[in-house]
Amino acid sequence: MTKEKDFDCVKFKRQLQDNVWKSSGAKNTKELVDYINKQSLKSSLRRSN
């Protein structure tokens, strides 16, 4: 048997959300959404048409 840690997807998702919230400096949900939208425009994963 291998000693693998159980991966908690919900906990991981919450940690990611907390990290984004902290890095954004947002005071409310609207500011957070605006921050995420701005970041997505800068992303190299965004397609340019």
N, C-alpha and C. Protein backbone atom coordinates (compact mmCIF):
# COMPACT_ATOMS: atom_id res chain seq x y z
N MET A 1 0.84 -1.20 0.00
CA MET A 1 0.00 0.00 0.00
C MET A 1 0.87 1.25 0.00
N THR A 2 0.46 2.23 -0.75
CA THR A 2 1.19 3.48 -0.77
C THR A 2 0.58 4.45 0.23
N LYS A 3 1.42 5.33 0.70
CA LYS A 3 0.94 6.34 1.65
C LYS A 3 0.64 7.62 0.88
N GLU A 4 -0.57 7.74 0.40
CA GLU A 4 -0.99 8.93 -0.34
C GLU A 4 -1.93 9.75 0.52
N LYS A 5 -1.76 11.06 0.41
CA LYS A 5 -2.69 11.94 1.12
C LYS A 5 -4.01 11.98 0.37
N ASP A 6 -5.08 12.02 1.12
CA ASP A 6 -6.38 12.20 0.47
C ASP A 6 -6.47 13.64 0.00
N PHE A 7 -6.85 13.82 -1.24
CA PHE A 7 -6.96 15.15 -1.82
C PHE A 7 -8.38 15.64 -1.65
N ASP A 8 -8.53 16.74 -0.94
CA ASP A 8 -9.85 17.32 -0.69
C ASP A 8 -10.09 18.44 -1.70
N CYS A 9 -10.88 18.15 -2.73
CA CYS A 9 -11.13 19.11 -3.81
C CYS A 9 -11.82 20.38 -3.30
N VAL A 10 -12.77 20.21 -2.40
CA VAL A 10 -13.52 21.36 -1.89
C VAL A 10 -12.58 22.28 -1.11
N LYS A 11 -11.73 21.70 -0.27
CA LYS A 11 -10.78 22.50 0.50
C LYS A 11 -9.81 23.23 -0.43
N PHE A 12 -9.34 22.53 -1.46
CA PHE A 12 -8.42 23.13 -2.43
C PHE A 12 -9.08 24.31 -3.13
N LYS A 13 -10.33 24.15 -3.56
CA LYS A 13 -11.06 25.22 -4.24
C LYS A 13 -11.22 26.43 -3.33
N ARG A 14 -11.56 26.19 -2.08
CA ARG A 14 -11.71 27.30 -1.13
C ARG A 14 -10.40 28.03 -0.90
N GLN A 15 -9.30 27.29 -0.83
CA GLN A 15 -7.99 27.92 -0.66
C GLN A 15 -7.65 28.79 -1.87
N LEU A 16 -7.93 28.29 -3.06
CA LEU A 16 -7.69 29.09 -4.27
C LEU A 16 -8.52 30.37 -4.25
N GLN A 17 -9.80 30.25 -3.88
CA GLN A 17 -10.67 31.42 -3.83
C GLN A 17 -10.16 32.42 -2.79
N ASP A 18 -9.73 31.93 -1.64
CA ASP A 18 -9.19 32.82 -0.60
C ASP A 18 -7.94 33.54 -1.10
N ASN A 19 -7.08 32.82 -1.80
CA ASN A 19 -5.85 33.42 -2.32
C ASN A 19 -6.15 34.51 -3.34
N VAL A 20 -7.11 34.25 -4.22
CA VAL A 20 -7.48 35.25 -5.23
C VAL A 20 -8.09 36.47 -4.55
N TRP A 21 -8.96 36.23 -3.56
CA TRP A 21 -9.61 37.33 -2.86
C TRP A 21 -8.56 38.22 -2.19
N LYS A 22 -7.59 37.59 -1.52
CA LYS A 22 -6.54 38.36 -0.83
C LYS A 22 -5.68 39.13 -1.81
N SER A 23 -5.29 38.50 -2.91
CA SER A 23 -4.41 39.18 -3.87
C SER A 23 -5.13 40.29 -4.61
N SER A 24 -6.45 40.19 -4.71
CA SER A 24 -7.21 41.22 -5.44
C SER A 24 -7.40 42.48 -4.61
N GLY A 25 -7.43 42.32 -3.29
CA GLY A 25 -7.70 43.47 -2.43
C GLY A 25 -9.15 43.92 -2.51
N ALA A 26 -10.01 43.07 -3.03
CA ALA A 26 -11.42 43.42 -3.22
C ALA A 26 -12.14 43.54 -1.88
N LYS A 27 -13.05 44.50 -1.83
CA LYS A 27 -13.85 44.72 -0.62
C LYS A 27 -15.23 44.09 -0.74
N ASN A 28 -15.62 43.74 -1.95
CA ASN A 28 -16.91 43.10 -2.16
C ASN A 28 -16.84 42.20 -3.40
N THR A 29 -17.92 41.50 -3.66
CA THR A 29 -17.94 40.53 -4.74
C THR A 29 -17.78 41.20 -6.11
N LYS A 30 -18.39 42.37 -6.29
CA LYS A 30 -18.27 43.06 -7.58
C LYS A 30 -16.82 43.41 -7.89
N GLU A 31 -16.09 43.90 -6.89
CA GLU A 31 -14.68 44.22 -7.09
C GLU A 31 -13.87 42.96 -7.41
N LEU A 32 -14.23 41.85 -6.77
CA LEU A 32 -13.54 40.59 -7.04
C LEU A 32 -13.78 40.14 -8.48
N VAL A 33 -15.02 40.24 -8.94
CA VAL A 33 -15.34 39.85 -10.32
C VAL A 33 -14.61 40.76 -11.30
N ASP A 34 -14.56 42.05 -11.02
CA ASP A 34 -13.83 42.98 -11.89
C ASP A 34 -12.35 42.60 -11.96
N TYR A 35 -11.76 42.26 -10.82
CA TYR A 35 -10.36 41.85 -10.76
C TYR A 35 -10.13 40.59 -11.61
N ILE A 36 -10.99 39.60 -11.44
CA ILE A 36 -10.85 38.35 -12.18
C ILE A 36 -10.98 38.60 -13.68
N ASN A 37 -11.93 39.44 -14.07
CA ASN A 37 -12.09 39.76 -15.49
C ASN A 37 -10.86 40.45 -16.06
N LYS A 38 -10.27 41.38 -15.29
CA LYS A 38 -9.06 42.06 -15.74
C LYS A 38 -7.92 41.08 -15.92
N GLN A 39 -7.78 40.18 -14.96
CA GLN A 39 -6.71 39.18 -15.02
C GLN A 39 -6.90 38.25 -16.21
N SER A 40 -8.14 37.90 -16.50
CA SER A 40 -8.39 36.98 -17.62
C SER A 40 -8.04 37.64 -18.95
N LEU A 41 -8.19 38.96 -19.04
CA LEU A 41 -7.83 39.65 -20.28
C LEU A 41 -6.32 39.61 -20.51
N LYS A 42 -5.54 39.57 -19.42
CA LYS A 42 -4.08 39.52 -19.52
C LYS A 42 -3.57 38.11 -19.77
N SER A 43 -4.40 37.12 -19.57
CA SER A 43 -3.98 35.73 -19.62
C SER A 43 -3.49 35.31 -21.00
N SER A 44 -2.44 34.51 -21.00
CA SER A 44 -1.93 33.98 -22.26
C SER A 44 -2.85 32.88 -22.80
N LEU A 45 -3.78 32.42 -21.99
CA LEU A 45 -4.72 31.39 -22.42
C LEU A 45 -5.88 31.98 -23.22
N ARG A 46 -6.01 33.29 -23.18
CA ARG A 46 -7.10 33.97 -23.88
C ARG A 46 -6.86 33.93 -25.38
N ARG A 47 -7.89 33.59 -26.10
CA ARG A 47 -7.79 33.54 -27.57
C ARG A 47 -7.93 34.94 -28.14
N SER A 48 -7.13 35.25 -29.11
CA SER A 48 -7.31 36.52 -29.81
C SER A 48 -7.90 36.21 -31.18
N ASN A 49 -9.01 36.86 -31.46
CA ASN A 49 -9.71 36.60 -32.73
C ASN A 49 -9.37 37.66 -33.74
